[in-house]
């Protein structure tokens, strides 16, 4: 399961308009990072690239005057949300599929299955 980096290693101010969010590739999948980062294109220029062997860097450059730290926090929260969803899907996806299958099971088949189980 996922384990975030310590907060002090996570965010670095590059200058007044640029911030770096440094994430471990071990805990965050590319899909979770991209799914969250694309939401910030209107607020920031977003650049995602490897930095060191085990880390990915997300550079956010302001387009407007909103506090950069708020944007970085929103992005990090989104990445955590997407990663948790991916982890839960991997662990419990089969159960969810079973529930959905039974929820849309034809009523006639369901009645036959109930009758078979009560005999």
N, C-alpha and C. Protein backbone atom coordinates (compact mmCIF):
# COMPACT_ATOMS: atom_id res chain seq x y z
N UNK A 1 0.84 -1.18 0.00
CA UNK A 1 0.00 0.00 0.00
C UNK A 1 0.88 1.24 0.00
N UNK A 2 0.30 2.39 -0.14
CA UNK A 2 1.05 3.61 -0.34
C UNK A 2 1.49 4.25 0.97
N UNK A 3 2.64 4.91 0.94
CA UNK A 3 3.18 5.58 2.12
C UNK A 3 3.80 6.89 1.65
N UNK A 4 3.21 8.04 2.01
CA UNK A 4 3.74 9.32 1.53
C UNK A 4 5.09 9.66 2.14
N UNK A 5 5.81 10.51 1.44
CA UNK A 5 7.09 11.00 1.95
C UNK A 5 6.82 11.96 3.10
N UNK A 6 7.83 12.20 3.89
CA UNK A 6 7.69 13.19 4.94
C UNK A 6 7.47 14.55 4.31
N UNK A 7 6.63 15.36 4.94
CA UNK A 7 6.23 16.66 4.42
C UNK A 7 7.43 17.57 4.13
N UNK A 8 8.46 17.54 4.96
CA UNK A 8 9.59 18.45 4.78
C UNK A 8 10.36 18.17 3.49
N UNK A 9 10.31 16.96 2.97
CA UNK A 9 11.02 16.61 1.73
C UNK A 9 10.15 16.78 0.49
N UNK A 10 8.91 17.13 0.68
CA UNK A 10 7.94 17.11 -0.39
C UNK A 10 7.96 18.35 -1.28
N UNK A 11 8.00 19.53 -0.70
CA UNK A 11 7.84 20.78 -1.45
C UNK A 11 9.08 21.65 -1.33
N UNK A 12 9.55 22.18 -2.47
CA UNK A 12 10.68 23.10 -2.50
C UNK A 12 10.29 24.33 -3.30
N UNK A 13 10.47 25.50 -2.73
CA UNK A 13 10.24 26.75 -3.47
C UNK A 13 11.46 27.00 -4.35
N UNK A 14 11.24 27.08 -5.65
CA UNK A 14 12.33 27.36 -6.59
C UNK A 14 12.54 28.87 -6.69
N UNK A 15 11.46 29.62 -6.85
CA UNK A 15 11.47 31.08 -6.84
C UNK A 15 10.06 31.54 -6.46
N UNK A 16 9.76 32.83 -6.62
CA UNK A 16 8.46 33.37 -6.20
C UNK A 16 7.29 32.82 -7.01
N UNK A 17 7.56 32.27 -8.18
CA UNK A 17 6.49 31.78 -9.04
C UNK A 17 6.56 30.28 -9.33
N UNK A 18 7.55 29.60 -8.81
CA UNK A 18 7.75 28.19 -9.13
C UNK A 18 7.96 27.37 -7.87
N UNK A 19 7.31 26.23 -7.85
CA UNK A 19 7.45 25.31 -6.73
C UNK A 19 7.68 23.90 -7.29
N UNK A 20 8.43 23.09 -6.56
CA UNK A 20 8.71 21.71 -6.96
C UNK A 20 8.08 20.78 -5.95
N UNK A 21 7.26 19.87 -6.43
CA UNK A 21 6.69 18.80 -5.61
C UNK A 21 7.47 17.54 -5.97
N UNK A 22 8.19 16.97 -5.00
CA UNK A 22 9.06 15.81 -5.23
C UNK A 22 8.39 14.57 -4.65
N UNK A 23 8.11 13.58 -5.51
CA UNK A 23 7.40 12.38 -5.10
C UNK A 23 8.21 11.12 -5.40
N UNK A 24 8.11 10.16 -4.51
CA UNK A 24 8.80 8.89 -4.68
C UNK A 24 8.06 8.04 -5.71
N UNK A 25 8.79 7.52 -6.68
CA UNK A 25 8.21 6.62 -7.68
C UNK A 25 7.76 5.31 -7.04
N UNK A 26 8.31 5.00 -5.88
CA UNK A 26 7.96 3.76 -5.18
C UNK A 26 6.52 3.79 -4.68
N UNK A 27 6.01 4.96 -4.33
CA UNK A 27 4.69 5.07 -3.72
C UNK A 27 3.63 5.65 -4.64
N UNK A 28 4.02 6.40 -5.67
CA UNK A 28 3.06 7.08 -6.53
C UNK A 28 3.22 6.61 -7.97
N UNK A 29 2.15 6.11 -8.54
CA UNK A 29 2.17 5.64 -9.91
C UNK A 29 2.00 6.81 -10.87
N UNK A 30 2.54 6.65 -12.04
CA UNK A 30 2.48 7.69 -13.08
C UNK A 30 1.04 8.13 -13.34
N UNK A 31 0.12 7.17 -13.40
CA UNK A 31 -1.28 7.49 -13.70
C UNK A 31 -1.90 8.37 -12.64
N UNK A 32 -1.59 8.14 -11.36
CA UNK A 32 -2.12 8.95 -10.28
C UNK A 32 -1.58 10.38 -10.36
N UNK A 33 -0.31 10.51 -10.67
CA UNK A 33 0.31 11.83 -10.78
C UNK A 33 -0.30 12.61 -11.95
N UNK A 34 -0.39 11.98 -13.12
CA UNK A 34 -0.92 12.67 -14.29
C UNK A 34 -2.40 12.99 -14.14
N UNK A 35 -3.17 12.08 -13.54
CA UNK A 35 -4.60 12.32 -13.35
C UNK A 35 -4.85 13.53 -12.48
N UNK A 36 -3.99 13.76 -11.51
CA UNK A 36 -4.15 14.92 -10.63
C UNK A 36 -3.54 16.18 -11.24
N UNK A 37 -2.38 16.05 -11.86
CA UNK A 37 -1.66 17.22 -12.36
C UNK A 37 -2.40 17.94 -13.49
N UNK A 38 -3.11 17.19 -14.32
CA UNK A 38 -3.76 17.85 -15.46
C UNK A 38 -4.81 18.85 -15.02
N UNK A 39 -5.35 18.72 -13.82
CA UNK A 39 -6.37 19.63 -13.31
C UNK A 39 -5.82 21.01 -13.01
N UNK A 40 -4.50 21.15 -12.98
CA UNK A 40 -3.88 22.41 -12.60
C UNK A 40 -3.36 23.21 -13.80
N UNK A 41 -3.63 22.76 -15.01
CA UNK A 41 -3.14 23.46 -16.20
C UNK A 41 -3.67 24.88 -16.34
N UNK A 42 -4.85 25.15 -15.82
CA UNK A 42 -5.41 26.51 -15.91
C UNK A 42 -4.75 27.45 -14.92
N UNK A 43 -4.32 26.93 -13.78
CA UNK A 43 -3.72 27.75 -12.74
C UNK A 43 -2.21 27.88 -12.89
N UNK A 44 -1.58 26.83 -13.43
CA UNK A 44 -0.12 26.76 -13.48
C UNK A 44 0.35 26.13 -14.78
N UNK A 45 1.59 26.41 -15.11
CA UNK A 45 2.28 25.59 -16.09
C UNK A 45 2.80 24.39 -15.32
N UNK A 46 2.51 23.20 -15.81
CA UNK A 46 2.88 21.98 -15.09
C UNK A 46 3.92 21.22 -15.92
N UNK A 47 5.03 20.90 -15.28
CA UNK A 47 6.07 20.10 -15.93
C UNK A 47 6.38 18.91 -15.02
N UNK A 48 6.29 17.72 -15.57
CA UNK A 48 6.55 16.51 -14.80
C UNK A 48 7.75 15.81 -15.42
N UNK A 49 8.76 15.54 -14.61
CA UNK A 49 9.95 14.86 -15.14
C UNK A 49 10.69 14.15 -14.02
N UNK A 50 11.46 13.12 -14.38
CA UNK A 50 12.25 12.41 -13.38
C UNK A 50 13.30 13.33 -12.78
N UNK A 51 13.49 13.21 -11.48
CA UNK A 51 14.59 13.92 -10.80
C UNK A 51 15.22 12.91 -9.85
N UNK A 52 16.37 12.50 -10.12
CA UNK A 52 17.04 11.42 -9.41
C UNK A 52 16.38 10.11 -9.84
N UNK A 53 17.00 9.01 -9.47
CA UNK A 53 16.54 7.71 -9.94
C UNK A 53 15.18 7.31 -9.37
N UNK A 54 14.92 7.63 -8.12
CA UNK A 54 13.73 7.14 -7.44
C UNK A 54 12.63 8.18 -7.28
N UNK A 55 12.78 9.35 -7.90
CA UNK A 55 11.82 10.43 -7.68
C UNK A 55 11.34 11.04 -9.00
N UNK A 56 10.12 11.56 -8.93
CA UNK A 56 9.58 12.35 -10.03
C UNK A 56 9.33 13.74 -9.48
N UNK A 57 9.61 14.74 -10.31
CA UNK A 57 9.40 16.12 -9.91
C UNK A 57 8.24 16.73 -10.67
N UNK A 58 7.39 17.44 -9.96
CA UNK A 58 6.30 18.18 -10.59
C UNK A 58 6.59 19.65 -10.34
N UNK A 59 6.91 20.37 -11.41
CA UNK A 59 7.20 21.79 -11.31
C UNK A 59 5.92 22.55 -11.64
N UNK A 60 5.52 23.42 -10.73
CA UNK A 60 4.34 24.25 -10.93
C UNK A 60 4.78 25.71 -11.03
N UNK A 61 4.43 26.36 -12.15
CA UNK A 61 4.75 27.77 -12.35
C UNK A 61 3.44 28.54 -12.43
N UNK A 62 3.31 29.54 -11.57
CA UNK A 62 2.07 30.29 -11.47
C UNK A 62 1.66 30.97 -12.77
N UNK A 63 0.35 30.92 -13.05
CA UNK A 63 -0.23 31.70 -14.13
C UNK A 63 -1.03 32.87 -13.56
N UNK A 64 -1.51 32.70 -12.32
CA UNK A 64 -2.26 33.77 -11.66
C UNK A 64 -1.66 34.03 -10.29
N UNK A 65 -2.36 34.79 -9.45
CA UNK A 65 -1.78 35.21 -8.18
C UNK A 65 -2.16 34.34 -6.98
N UNK A 66 -2.83 33.20 -7.20
CA UNK A 66 -3.18 32.33 -6.08
C UNK A 66 -1.90 31.81 -5.43
N UNK A 67 -1.93 31.67 -4.13
CA UNK A 67 -0.75 31.21 -3.39
C UNK A 67 -0.28 29.86 -3.93
N UNK A 68 0.96 29.79 -4.29
CA UNK A 68 1.55 28.59 -4.86
C UNK A 68 1.49 27.42 -3.89
N UNK A 69 1.65 27.69 -2.62
CA UNK A 69 1.59 26.60 -1.63
C UNK A 69 0.20 25.97 -1.59
N UNK A 70 -0.86 26.77 -1.79
CA UNK A 70 -2.23 26.22 -1.84
C UNK A 70 -2.40 25.30 -3.04
N UNK A 71 -1.84 25.70 -4.16
CA UNK A 71 -1.92 24.88 -5.37
C UNK A 71 -1.17 23.57 -5.17
N UNK A 72 0.03 23.64 -4.59
CA UNK A 72 0.81 22.43 -4.34
C UNK A 72 0.07 21.49 -3.39
N UNK A 73 -0.56 22.04 -2.36
CA UNK A 73 -1.33 21.23 -1.42
C UNK A 73 -2.51 20.56 -2.12
N UNK A 74 -3.23 21.32 -2.95
CA UNK A 74 -4.36 20.76 -3.69
C UNK A 74 -3.89 19.63 -4.62
N UNK A 75 -2.76 19.83 -5.28
CA UNK A 75 -2.22 18.81 -6.17
C UNK A 75 -1.84 17.55 -5.38
N UNK A 76 -1.15 17.73 -4.29
CA UNK A 76 -0.73 16.59 -3.47
C UNK A 76 -1.94 15.83 -2.95
N UNK A 77 -2.96 16.55 -2.49
CA UNK A 77 -4.20 15.89 -2.04
C UNK A 77 -4.83 15.08 -3.16
N UNK A 78 -4.82 15.63 -4.37
CA UNK A 78 -5.38 14.92 -5.52
C UNK A 78 -4.60 13.66 -5.86
N UNK A 79 -3.29 13.75 -5.78
CA UNK A 79 -2.44 12.59 -6.07
C UNK A 79 -2.68 11.49 -5.03
N UNK A 80 -2.75 11.87 -3.78
CA UNK A 80 -3.04 10.88 -2.73
C UNK A 80 -4.38 10.22 -3.00
N UNK A 81 -5.40 11.02 -3.34
CA UNK A 81 -6.73 10.48 -3.63
C UNK A 81 -6.68 9.47 -4.78
N UNK A 82 -6.04 9.85 -5.89
CA UNK A 82 -5.95 8.95 -7.04
C UNK A 82 -5.17 7.68 -6.72
N UNK A 83 -4.08 7.82 -5.95
CA UNK A 83 -3.28 6.65 -5.62
C UNK A 83 -4.06 5.70 -4.72
N UNK A 84 -4.78 6.24 -3.74
CA UNK A 84 -5.59 5.39 -2.87
C UNK A 84 -6.67 4.67 -3.66
N UNK A 85 -7.30 5.37 -4.60
CA UNK A 85 -8.30 4.72 -5.44
C UNK A 85 -7.70 3.57 -6.24
N UNK A 86 -6.50 3.78 -6.80
CA UNK A 86 -5.84 2.73 -7.57
C UNK A 86 -5.49 1.55 -6.66
N UNK A 87 -4.99 1.82 -5.47
CA UNK A 87 -4.64 0.75 -4.53
C UNK A 87 -5.88 -0.04 -4.12
N UNK A 88 -6.98 0.66 -3.84
CA UNK A 88 -8.22 -0.01 -3.45
C UNK A 88 -8.78 -0.84 -4.60
N UNK A 89 -8.69 -0.32 -5.81
CA UNK A 89 -9.17 -1.06 -6.98
C UNK A 89 -8.38 -2.36 -7.14
N UNK A 90 -7.08 -2.29 -6.96
CA UNK A 90 -6.25 -3.50 -7.07
C UNK A 90 -6.62 -4.52 -6.00
N UNK A 91 -6.88 -4.03 -4.79
CA UNK A 91 -7.15 -4.94 -3.68
C UNK A 91 -8.58 -5.46 -3.66
N UNK A 92 -9.55 -4.59 -4.00
CA UNK A 92 -10.95 -4.97 -3.84
C UNK A 92 -11.74 -4.92 -5.14
N UNK A 93 -11.08 -4.77 -6.27
CA UNK A 93 -11.76 -4.67 -7.56
C UNK A 93 -12.63 -5.88 -7.86
N UNK A 94 -12.18 -7.05 -7.52
CA UNK A 94 -12.95 -8.27 -7.80
C UNK A 94 -14.25 -8.28 -7.01
N UNK A 95 -14.21 -7.80 -5.79
CA UNK A 95 -15.43 -7.74 -4.97
C UNK A 95 -16.41 -6.76 -5.57
N UNK A 96 -15.92 -5.59 -6.00
CA UNK A 96 -16.78 -4.58 -6.62
C UNK A 96 -17.44 -5.14 -7.88
N UNK A 97 -16.66 -5.84 -8.70
CA UNK A 97 -17.21 -6.43 -9.92
C UNK A 97 -18.30 -7.45 -9.60
N UNK A 98 -18.10 -8.24 -8.57
CA UNK A 98 -19.09 -9.22 -8.15
C UNK A 98 -20.38 -8.53 -7.70
N UNK A 99 -20.27 -7.47 -6.93
CA UNK A 99 -21.44 -6.72 -6.48
C UNK A 99 -22.19 -6.13 -7.66
N UNK A 100 -21.46 -5.52 -8.59
CA UNK A 100 -22.10 -4.92 -9.77
C UNK A 100 -22.78 -6.00 -10.61
N UNK A 101 -22.11 -7.13 -10.79
CA UNK A 101 -22.69 -8.21 -11.58
C UNK A 101 -24.01 -8.69 -10.95
N UNK A 102 -24.04 -8.85 -9.66
CA UNK A 102 -25.26 -9.30 -8.98
C UNK A 102 -26.31 -8.20 -8.95
N UNK A 103 -25.90 -6.94 -8.92
CA UNK A 103 -26.87 -5.84 -8.92
C UNK A 103 -27.63 -5.79 -10.24
N UNK A 104 -26.99 -6.18 -11.33
CA UNK A 104 -27.63 -6.14 -12.65
C UNK A 104 -27.96 -7.54 -13.17
N UNK A 105 -27.95 -8.50 -12.29
CA UNK A 105 -28.31 -9.87 -12.63
C UNK A 105 -29.77 -9.92 -13.05
N UNK A 106 -30.12 -10.57 -14.16
CA UNK A 106 -31.53 -10.63 -14.57
C UNK A 106 -32.38 -11.25 -13.47
N UNK A 107 -33.55 -10.67 -13.25
CA UNK A 107 -34.44 -11.10 -12.17
C UNK A 107 -34.82 -12.57 -12.31
N UNK A 108 -35.10 -13.03 -13.53
CA UNK A 108 -35.48 -14.43 -13.72
C UNK A 108 -34.36 -15.37 -13.28
N UNK A 109 -33.10 -15.02 -13.59
CA UNK A 109 -31.97 -15.84 -13.15
C UNK A 109 -31.80 -15.78 -11.64
N UNK A 110 -32.07 -14.63 -11.07
CA UNK A 110 -31.96 -14.47 -9.63
C UNK A 110 -32.98 -15.34 -8.91
N UNK A 111 -34.20 -15.39 -9.43
CA UNK A 111 -35.23 -16.23 -8.83
C UNK A 111 -34.83 -17.71 -8.90
N UNK A 112 -34.28 -18.14 -10.03
CA UNK A 112 -33.80 -19.52 -10.17
C UNK A 112 -32.68 -19.82 -9.18
N UNK A 113 -31.77 -18.85 -9.02
CA UNK A 113 -30.65 -19.04 -8.10
C UNK A 113 -31.15 -19.13 -6.66
N UNK A 114 -32.14 -18.33 -6.29
CA UNK A 114 -32.70 -18.36 -4.94
C UNK A 114 -33.38 -19.71 -4.71
N UNK A 115 -34.14 -20.16 -5.68
CA UNK A 115 -34.82 -21.45 -5.55
C UNK A 115 -33.80 -22.59 -5.43
N UNK A 116 -32.73 -22.54 -6.17
CA UNK A 116 -31.69 -23.57 -6.09
C UNK A 116 -31.02 -23.59 -4.72
N UNK A 117 -30.84 -22.43 -4.13
CA UNK A 117 -30.17 -22.35 -2.83
C UNK A 117 -31.09 -22.73 -1.68
N UNK A 118 -32.41 -22.69 -1.87
CA UNK A 118 -33.33 -23.01 -0.78
C UNK A 118 -33.70 -24.49 -0.77
N UNK A 119 -33.28 -25.25 -1.73
CA UNK A 119 -33.61 -26.68 -1.79
C UNK A 119 -32.70 -27.49 -0.92
